[in-house]
Amino acid sequence: MTHLGSHPFGNTGGMRITLPSGTPAEIVRHDSPVMGLVVAPDIFGLRPLYDDMVKRFSDEWGMSVIAVEPFPGVELGPDVEPRFAAVPALDDAKNLRDLLEAADALGTETVGLIGFCMGGMYCFKAARDERFARIVSFYGMITLPEAWRGPTQGEPLGMLISGYAEGVLAIVGEKDHYTPIVDIDQLRSTGVQVVLYPEAEHAFAHDASRPAHRPDDAADAFARAKAWLLSAVR
């Protein structure tokens, strides 16, 4: 993730909590938050990257922030293959319940949602609920990858169409094979605001250690994300 700036005062340190569902989450409560923000991580789940992200969002954006573990109670290890294999068994009802419980844990009147990769896909799905005043999806899957299909996995696009798509900002890369142009066109047709980065591949913004990272595009994308979220309270 690009450096968002650091202000040492104004919030508590991050801490792990357990949601009523039993799912772990990392939270930073700001002393005087302008709003709350729920973070839906990528397929690798809660880890130091997200501990840092929660703190930085709170410092720089003046929000109380919480990130939610997408694979609670399952030991999948650091490799991507077991995690990909576990996605079809994820249950939308449970994952979206956890995001809503996380929103309640923040204790703020207004709550936004931001997510990355698989978490960005859950951002699209969460738009079916009016709890989130603004949503930002970073390169979330618009249609379910074939290998991820399962009986408890709904189609992101379908859930957007029946939900509150006008509150969603989608950050996507034109060279991302998870979000082909035909899907992006369908996404736009729902009323979602789309920002397309022409040279960007998947996961170009939130993890500076990835080969696909593009610092300038990442900085622009996070600035747009911040403005979109804060438009809920201004």
C-alpha atoms as a PDB file:
ATOM      1  CA  MET A   1       0.000   0.000   0.000  1.00  0.00           C
ATOM      2  CA  THR A   2       1.228   3.484  -0.727  1.00  0.00           C
ATOM      3  CA  HIS A   3       2.166   5.627   2.234  1.00  0.00           C
ATOM      4  CA  LEU A   4      -0.933   7.624   3.123  1.00  0.00           C
ATOM      5  CA  GLY A   5       0.759   9.849   5.651  1.00  0.00           C
ATOM      6  CA  SER A   6       1.056   9.382   9.397  1.00  0.00           C
ATOM      7  CA  HIS A   7      -0.397  11.368  12.270  1.00  0.00           C
ATOM      8  CA  PRO A   8       0.447   9.888  15.683  1.00  0.00           C
ATOM      9  CA  PHE A   9      -2.485  11.418  17.554  1.00  0.00           C
ATOM     10  CA  GLY A  10      -6.256  11.187  17.268  1.00  0.00           C
ATOM     11  CA  ASN A  11      -6.876   7.461  17.565  1.00  0.00           C
ATOM     12  CA  THR A  12      -6.168   4.412  19.619  1.00  0.00           C
ATOM     13  CA  GLY A  13      -3.747   1.708  18.584  1.00  0.00           C
ATOM     14  CA  GLY A  14      -5.088  -1.169  16.560  1.00  0.00           C
ATOM     15  CA  MET A  15      -6.396  -4.217  18.362  1.00  0.00           C
ATOM     16  CA  ARG A  16      -7.864  -7.600  17.492  1.00  0.00           C
ATOM     17  CA  ILE A  17     -11.485  -8.100  18.480  1.00  0.00           C
ATOM     18  CA  THR A  18     -13.979 -10.893  17.936  1.00  0.00           C
ATOM     19  CA  LEU A  19     -17.294 -10.051  16.281  1.00  0.00           C
ATOM     20  CA  PRO A  20     -20.520 -11.536  17.714  1.00  0.00           C
ATOM     21  CA  SER A  21     -20.318 -14.182  14.972  1.00  0.00           C
ATOM     22  CA  GLY A  22     -16.914 -15.296  16.289  1.00  0.00           C
ATOM     23  CA  THR A  23     -15.006 -13.797  13.349  1.00  0.00           C
ATOM     24  CA  PRO A  24     -11.727 -11.955  14.110  1.00  0.00           C
ATOM     25  CA  ALA A  25     -11.310  -8.323  13.131  1.00  0.00           C
ATOM     26  CA  GLU A  26      -8.680  -5.596  13.497  1.00  0.00           C
ATOM     27  CA  ILE A  27     -10.055  -2.265  14.733  1.00  0.00           C
ATOM     28  CA  VAL A  28      -8.786   1.260  15.348  1.00  0.00           C
ATOM     29  CA  ARG A  29     -11.233   3.607  17.044  1.00  0.00           C
ATOM     30  CA  HIS A  30     -10.625   7.280  16.287  1.00  0.00           C
ATOM     31  CA  ASP A  31     -11.257   9.822  19.063  1.00  0.00           C
ATOM     32  CA  SER A  32     -13.529  11.937  16.859  1.00  0.00           C
ATOM     33  CA  PRO A  33     -14.278  10.005  13.670  1.00  0.00           C
ATOM     34  CA  VAL A  34     -15.901  11.720  10.713  1.00  0.00           C
ATOM     35  CA  MET A  35     -17.356   8.295   9.841  1.00  0.00           C
ATOM     36  CA  GLY A  36     -16.620   4.594  10.141  1.00  0.00           C
ATOM     37  CA  LEU A  37     -14.971   2.375   7.550  1.00  0.00           C
ATOM     38  CA  VAL A  38     -15.092  -1.409   7.158  1.00  0.00           C
ATOM     39  CA  VAL A  39     -12.256  -3.051   5.195  1.00  0.00           C
ATOM     40  CA  ALA A  40     -12.787  -6.321   3.305  1.00  0.00           C
ATOM     41  CA  PRO A  41      -9.336  -7.881   2.753  1.00  0.00           C
ATOM     42  CA  ASP A  42      -8.050  -9.798  -0.243  1.00  0.00           C
ATOM     43  CA  ILE A  43      -7.901 -13.585  -0.388  1.00  0.00           C
ATOM     44  CA  PHE A  44      -4.924 -13.716   2.004  1.00  0.00           C
ATOM     45  CA  GLY A  45      -7.034 -12.285   4.810  1.00  0.00           C
ATOM     46  CA  LEU A  46      -6.022 -10.397   7.941  1.00  0.00           C
ATOM     47  CA  ARG A  47      -2.259  -9.959   8.244  1.00  0.00           C
ATOM     48  CA  PRO A  48       0.222  -7.165   9.045  1.00  0.00           C
ATOM     49  CA  LEU A  49      -0.579  -5.424   5.734  1.00  0.00           C
ATOM     50  CA  TYR A  50      -4.140  -4.862   6.941  1.00  0.00           C
ATOM     51  CA  ASP A  51      -3.159  -4.000  10.509  1.00  0.00           C
ATOM     52  CA  ASP A  52      -1.084  -1.217   8.970  1.00  0.00           C
ATOM     53  CA  MET A  53      -3.817  -0.236   6.519  1.00  0.00           C
ATOM     54  CA  VAL A  54      -6.455   0.118   9.235  1.00  0.00           C
ATOM     55  CA  LYS A  55      -4.159   2.389  11.234  1.00  0.00           C
ATOM     56  CA  ARG A  56      -3.202   4.473   8.211  1.00  0.00           C
ATOM     57  CA  PHE A  57      -6.784   4.957   7.060  1.00  0.00           C
ATOM     58  CA  SER A  58      -7.728   6.067  10.567  1.00  0.00           C
ATOM     59  CA  ASP A  59      -4.753   8.440  10.853  1.00  0.00           C
ATOM     60  CA  GLU A  60      -5.025   9.990   7.418  1.00  0.00           C
ATOM     61  CA  TRP A  61      -8.769   9.924   6.818  1.00  0.00           C
ATOM     62  CA  GLY A  62     -10.012  10.628  10.343  1.00  0.00           C
ATOM     63  CA  MET A  63     -12.150   7.512  10.587  1.00  0.00           C
ATOM     64  CA  SER A  64     -12.709   4.609  12.936  1.00  0.00           C
ATOM     65  CA  VAL A  65     -11.701   1.591  10.858  1.00  0.00           C
ATOM     66  CA  ILE A  66     -12.122  -2.173  11.087  1.00  0.00           C
ATOM     67  CA  ALA A  67     -10.865  -5.010   8.844  1.00  0.00           C
ATOM     68  CA  VAL A  68     -12.617  -8.392   8.848  1.00  0.00           C
ATOM     69  CA  GLU A  69     -11.130 -11.880   8.381  1.00  0.00           C
ATOM     70  CA  PRO A  70     -12.791 -13.518   5.325  1.00  0.00           C
ATOM     71  CA  PHE A  71     -11.914 -17.123   6.302  1.00  0.00           C
ATOM     72  CA  PRO A  72     -12.733 -17.341  10.013  1.00  0.00           C
ATOM     73  CA  GLY A  73     -11.953 -20.596  11.776  1.00  0.00           C
ATOM     74  CA  VAL A  74     -10.032 -22.073   8.844  1.00  0.00           C
ATOM     75  CA  GLU A  75      -6.264 -22.561   8.730  1.00  0.00           C
ATOM     76  CA  LEU A  76      -5.281 -22.105   5.087  1.00  0.00           C
ATOM     77  CA  GLY A  77      -1.641 -21.061   5.326  1.00  0.00           C
ATOM     78  CA  PRO A  78       0.217 -18.485   3.216  1.00  0.00           C
ATOM     79  CA  ASP A  79      -0.114 -20.145  -0.211  1.00  0.00           C
ATOM     80  CA  VAL A  80      -2.793 -18.995  -2.620  1.00  0.00           C
ATOM     81  CA  GLU A  81      -3.866 -22.418  -3.953  1.00  0.00           C
ATOM     82  CA  PRO A  82      -5.626 -23.638  -0.764  1.00  0.00           C
ATOM     83  CA  ARG A  83      -7.297 -20.267  -0.471  1.00  0.00           C
ATOM     84  CA  PHE A  84      -8.621 -20.343  -4.026  1.00  0.00           C
ATOM     85  CA  ALA A  85      -9.895 -23.839  -3.349  1.00  0.00           C
ATOM     86  CA  ALA A  86     -11.731 -22.626  -0.236  1.00  0.00           C
ATOM     87  CA  VAL A  87     -13.636 -19.784  -1.923  1.00  0.00           C
ATOM     88  CA  PRO A  88     -16.531 -21.881  -3.348  1.00  0.00           C
ATOM     89  CA  ALA A  89     -17.414 -22.926   0.214  1.00  0.00           C
ATOM     90  CA  LEU A  90     -17.696 -19.344   1.442  1.00  0.00           C
ATOM     91  CA  ASP A  91     -21.240 -18.327   2.314  1.00  0.00           C
ATOM     92  CA  ASP A  92     -22.377 -14.869   1.202  1.00  0.00           C
ATOM     93  CA  ALA A  93     -24.860 -14.658   4.069  1.00  0.00           C
ATOM     94  CA  LYS A  94     -22.104 -15.239   6.642  1.00  0.00           C
ATOM     95  CA  ASN A  95     -19.509 -12.988   5.006  1.00  0.00           C
ATOM     96  CA  LEU A  96     -21.966 -10.128   4.583  1.00  0.00           C
ATOM     97  CA  ARG A  97     -23.220 -10.650   8.163  1.00  0.00           C
ATOM     98  CA  ASP A  98     -19.623 -10.194   9.351  1.00  0.00           C
ATOM     99  CA  LEU A  99     -19.245  -6.956   7.402  1.00  0.00           C
ATOM    100  CA  LEU A 100     -22.444  -5.634   8.970  1.00  0.00           C
ATOM    101  CA  GLU A 101     -21.369  -6.707  12.464  1.00  0.00           C
ATOM    102  CA  ALA A 102     -18.077  -4.921  11.848  1.00  0.00           C
ATOM    103  CA  ALA A 103     -19.979  -1.783  10.875  1.00  0.00           C
ATOM    104  CA  ASP A 104     -21.926  -1.951  14.147  1.00  0.00           C
ATOM    105  CA  ALA A 105     -18.683  -2.419  16.129  1.00  0.00           C
ATOM    106  CA  LEU A 106     -17.430   0.976  14.935  1.00  0.00           C
ATOM    107  CA  GLY A 107     -20.218   2.860  16.700  1.00  0.00           C
ATOM    108  CA  THR A 108     -20.434   5.598  14.059  1.00  0.00           C
ATOM    109  CA  GLU A 109     -23.614   6.914  12.500  1.00  0.00           C
ATOM    110  CA  THR A 110     -22.224   6.723   8.964  1.00  0.00           C
ATOM    111  CA  VAL A 111     -20.210   3.755   7.719  1.00  0.00           C
ATOM    112  CA  GLY A 112     -18.420   3.103   4.419  1.00  0.00           C
ATOM    113  CA  LEU A 113     -16.922  -0.074   3.022  1.00  0.00           C
ATOM    114  CA  ILE A 114     -13.689  -0.604   1.084  1.00  0.00           C
ATOM    115  CA  GLY A 115     -12.311  -3.887  -0.227  1.00  0.00           C
ATOM    116  CA  PHE A 116      -9.523  -5.338  -2.327  1.00  0.00           C
ATOM    117  CA  CYS A 117      -9.530  -8.222  -4.835  1.00  0.00           C
ATOM    118  CA  MET A 118     -11.847 -10.844  -3.309  1.00  0.00           C
ATOM    119  CA  GLY A 119     -12.809  -8.222  -0.737  1.00  0.00           C
ATOM    120  CA  GLY A 120     -13.643  -5.905  -3.629  1.00  0.00           C
ATOM    121  CA  MET A 121     -16.013  -8.581  -4.926  1.00  0.00           C
ATOM    122  CA  TYR A 122     -17.704  -8.652  -1.526  1.00  0.00           C
ATOM    123  CA  CYS A 123     -18.036  -4.877  -1.769  1.00  0.00           C
ATOM    124  CA  PHE A 124     -20.204  -5.350  -4.842  1.00  0.00           C
ATOM    125  CA  LYS A 125     -22.254  -7.978  -3.015  1.00  0.00           C
ATOM    126  CA  ALA A 126     -22.616  -5.758   0.057  1.00  0.00           C
ATOM    127  CA  ALA A 127     -24.263  -3.070  -2.080  1.00  0.00           C
ATOM    128  CA  ARG A 128     -27.486  -5.045  -1.693  1.00  0.00           C
ATOM    129  CA  ASP A 129     -27.707  -3.570   1.823  1.00  0.00           C
ATOM    130  CA  GLU A 130     -28.221   0.138   2.509  1.00  0.00           C
ATOM    131  CA  ARG A 131     -26.079   0.007   5.672  1.00  0.00           C
ATOM    132  CA  PHE A 132     -23.001   1.242   3.806  1.00  0.00           C
ATOM    133  CA  ALA A 133     -23.343   4.893   2.798  1.00  0.00           C
ATOM    134  CA  ARG A 134     -20.481   4.628   0.291  1.00  0.00           C
ATOM    135  CA  ILE A 135     -18.584   1.626  -1.046  1.00  0.00           C
ATOM    136  CA  VAL A 136     -15.217   1.445  -2.823  1.00  0.00           C
ATOM    137  CA  SER A 137     -14.228  -1.760  -4.610  1.00  0.00           C
ATOM    138  CA  PHE A 138     -10.613  -2.111  -5.661  1.00  0.00           C
ATOM    139  CA  TYR A 139     -10.445  -4.574  -8.569  1.00  0.00           C
ATOM    140  CA  GLY A 140     -13.241  -6.740  -7.254  1.00  0.00           C
ATOM    141  CA  MET A 141     -14.486  -9.591  -9.418  1.00  0.00           C
ATOM    142  CA  ILE A 142     -17.608  -8.388 -11.245  1.00  0.00           C
ATOM    143  CA  THR A 143     -18.682 -11.885 -12.196  1.00  0.00           C
ATOM    144  CA  LEU A 144     -17.710 -14.974 -10.210  1.00  0.00           C
ATOM    145  CA  PRO A 145     -14.677 -16.794 -11.601  1.00  0.00           C
ATOM    146  CA  GLU A 146     -15.715 -20.268 -12.727  1.00  0.00           C
ATOM    147  CA  ALA A 147     -13.481 -21.937 -10.122  1.00  0.00           C
ATOM    148  CA  TRP A 148     -15.142 -19.935  -7.332  1.00  0.00           C
ATOM    149  CA  ARG A 149     -18.719 -20.946  -8.034  1.00  0.00           C
ATOM    150  CA  GLY A 150     -20.584 -22.641  -5.213  1.00  0.00           C
ATOM    151  CA  PRO A 151     -24.115 -23.001  -3.846  1.00  0.00           C
ATOM    152  CA  THR A 152     -23.658 -20.177  -1.326  1.00  0.00           C
ATOM    153  CA  GLN A 153     -21.870 -17.773  -3.708  1.00  0.00           C
ATOM    154  CA  GLY A 154     -24.104 -15.240  -5.466  1.00  0.00           C
ATOM    155  CA  GLU A 155     -23.190 -13.271  -8.575  1.00  0.00           C
ATOM    156  CA  PRO A 156     -21.771  -9.830  -7.676  1.00  0.00           C
ATOM    157  CA  LEU A 157     -23.375  -8.193 -10.698  1.00  0.00           C
ATOM    158  CA  GLY A 158     -26.810  -9.561  -9.864  1.00  0.00           C
ATOM    159  CA  MET A 159     -26.579  -8.341  -6.283  1.00  0.00           C
ATOM    160  CA  LEU A 160     -25.551  -4.895  -7.509  1.00  0.00           C
ATOM    161  CA  ILE A 161     -28.485  -4.681  -9.889  1.00  0.00           C
ATOM    162  CA  SER A 162     -30.930  -5.400  -7.078  1.00  0.00           C
ATOM    163  CA  GLY A 163     -29.125  -3.160  -4.582  1.00  0.00           C
ATOM    164  CA  TYR A 164     -27.658   0.319  -4.195  1.00  0.00           C
ATOM    165  CA  ALA A 165     -25.181   0.470  -7.062  1.00  0.00           C
ATOM    166  CA  GLU A 166     -25.208   4.278  -7.171  1.00  0.00           C
ATOM    167  CA  GLY A 167     -23.254   4.343  -3.904  1.00  0.00           C
ATOM    168  CA  VAL A 168     -20.374   2.273  -5.317  1.00  0.00           C
ATOM    169  CA  LEU A 169     -17.044   3.414  -6.773  1.00  0.00           C
ATOM    170  CA  ALA A 170     -15.097   0.725  -8.656  1.00  0.00           C
ATOM    171  CA  ILE A 171     -11.329   1.045  -9.121  1.00  0.00           C
ATOM    172  CA  VAL A 172     -10.215  -1.279 -11.931  1.00  0.00           C
ATOM    173  CA  GLY A 173      -7.230  -1.913 -14.176  1.00  0.00           C
ATOM    174  CA  GLU A 174      -7.681  -2.293 -17.915  1.00  0.00           C
ATOM    175  CA  LYS A 175      -5.160  -5.171 -17.982  1.00  0.00           C
ATOM    176  CA  ASP A 176      -6.770  -7.084 -15.103  1.00  0.00           C
ATOM    177  CA  HIS A 177      -7.897 -10.507 -16.342  1.00  0.00           C
ATOM    178  CA  TYR A 178     -10.346 -10.739 -13.421  1.00  0.00           C
ATOM    179  CA  THR A 179     -12.274  -7.712 -14.715  1.00  0.00           C
ATOM    180  CA  PRO A 180     -12.525  -7.958 -18.524  1.00  0.00           C
ATOM    181  CA  ILE A 181     -13.882  -4.979 -20.420  1.00  0.00           C
ATOM    182  CA  VAL A 182     -17.195  -6.713 -21.130  1.00  0.00           C
ATOM    183  CA  ASP A 183     -17.708  -7.049 -17.360  1.00  0.00           C
ATOM    184  CA  ILE A 184     -16.681  -3.439 -16.766  1.00  0.00           C
ATOM    185  CA  ASP A 185     -19.277  -2.294 -19.321  1.00  0.00           C
ATOM    186  CA  GLN A 186     -21.947  -4.259 -17.461  1.00  0.00           C
ATOM    187  CA  LEU A 187     -20.741  -2.761 -14.200  1.00  0.00           C
ATOM    188  CA  ARG A 188     -21.151   0.769 -15.562  1.00  0.00           C
ATOM    189  CA  SER A 189     -24.678  -0.053 -16.705  1.00  0.00           C
ATOM    190  CA  THR A 190     -25.741  -0.682 -13.090  1.00  0.00           C
ATOM    191  CA  GLY A 191     -24.954   2.892 -12.059  1.00  0.00           C
ATOM    192  CA  VAL A 192     -21.622   2.128 -10.396  1.00  0.00           C
ATOM    193  CA  GLN A 193     -18.985   4.840 -10.853  1.00  0.00           C
ATOM    194  CA  VAL A 194     -15.974   3.257 -12.577  1.00  0.00           C
ATOM    195  CA  VAL A 195     -12.407   4.583 -12.669  1.00  0.00           C
ATOM    196  CA  LEU A 196     -10.283   2.637 -15.157  1.00  0.00           C
ATOM    197  CA  TYR A 197      -6.467   2.691 -15.062  1.00  0.00           C
ATOM    198  CA  PRO A 198      -5.243   1.833 -18.585  1.00  0.00           C
ATOM    199  CA  GLU A 199      -1.888   0.201 -17.767  1.00  0.00           C
ATOM    200  CA  ALA A 200      -2.855  -1.426 -14.484  1.00  0.00           C
ATOM    201  CA  GLU A 201      -3.085  -5.133 -13.767  1.00  0.00           C
ATOM    202  CA  HIS A 202      -4.839  -6.862 -10.865  1.00  0.00           C
ATOM    203  CA  ALA A 203      -3.964  -5.648  -7.353  1.00  0.00           C
ATOM    204  CA  PHE A 204      -2.001  -2.604  -8.520  1.00  0.00           C
ATOM    205  CA  ALA A 205      -2.751  -0.373  -5.536  1.00  0.00           C
ATOM    206  CA  HIS A 206      -2.936  -1.840  -2.039  1.00  0.00           C
ATOM    207  CA  ASP A 207       0.256  -3.882  -1.621  1.00  0.00           C
ATOM    208  CA  ALA A 208       3.552  -2.237  -2.562  1.00  0.00           C
ATOM    209  CA  SER A 209       5.353  -5.604  -2.427  1.00  0.00           C
ATOM    210  CA  ARG A 210       3.483  -6.940  -5.457  1.00  0.00           C
ATOM    211  CA  PRO A 211       5.102  -6.771  -8.914  1.00  0.00           C
ATOM    212  CA  ALA A 212       1.890  -5.219 -10.285  1.00  0.00           C
ATOM    213  CA  HIS A 213       2.108  -2.243  -7.903  1.00  0.00           C
ATOM    214  CA  ARG A 214       1.840   1.163  -9.622  1.00  0.00           C
ATOM    215  CA  PRO A 215       2.649   3.930  -7.106  1.00  0.00           C
ATOM    216  CA  ASP A 216       1.218   6.871  -9.051  1.00  0.00           C
ATOM    217  CA  ASP A 217      -1.991   5.068  -9.980  1.00  0.00           C
ATOM    218  CA  ALA A 218      -2.278   3.802  -6.399  1.00  0.00           C
ATOM    219  CA  ALA A 219      -1.957   7.314  -4.977  1.00  0.00           C
ATOM    220  CA  ASP A 220      -4.608   8.590  -7.392  1.00  0.00           C
ATOM    221  CA  ALA A 221      -6.933   5.669  -6.632  1.00  0.00           C
ATOM    222  CA  PHE A 222      -6.687   6.132  -2.860  1.00  0.00           C
ATOM    223  CA  ALA A 223      -7.323   9.879  -3.218  1.00  0.00           C
ATOM    224  CA  ARG A 224     -10.465   9.108  -5.216  1.00  0.00           C
ATOM    225  CA  ALA A 225     -11.512   6.482  -2.689  1.00  0.00           C
ATOM    226  CA  LYS A 226     -11.127   8.923   0.195  1.00  0.00           C
ATOM    227  CA  ALA A 227     -13.147  11.620  -1.584  1.00  0.00           C
ATOM    228  CA  TRP A 228     -15.901   9.140  -2.481  1.00  0.00           C
ATOM    229  CA  LEU A 229     -16.207   7.851   1.070  1.00  0.00           C
ATOM    230  CA  LEU A 230     -16.179  11.307   2.633  1.00  0.00           C
ATOM    231  CA  SER A 231     -18.868  12.510   0.222  1.00  0.00           C
ATOM    232  CA  ALA A 232     -21.269  10.596   2.490  1.00  0.00           C
ATOM    233  CA  VAL A 233     -20.740  13.139   5.265  1.00  0.00           C
ATOM    234  CA  ARG A 234     -20.109  16.352   3.362  1.00  0.00           C
END
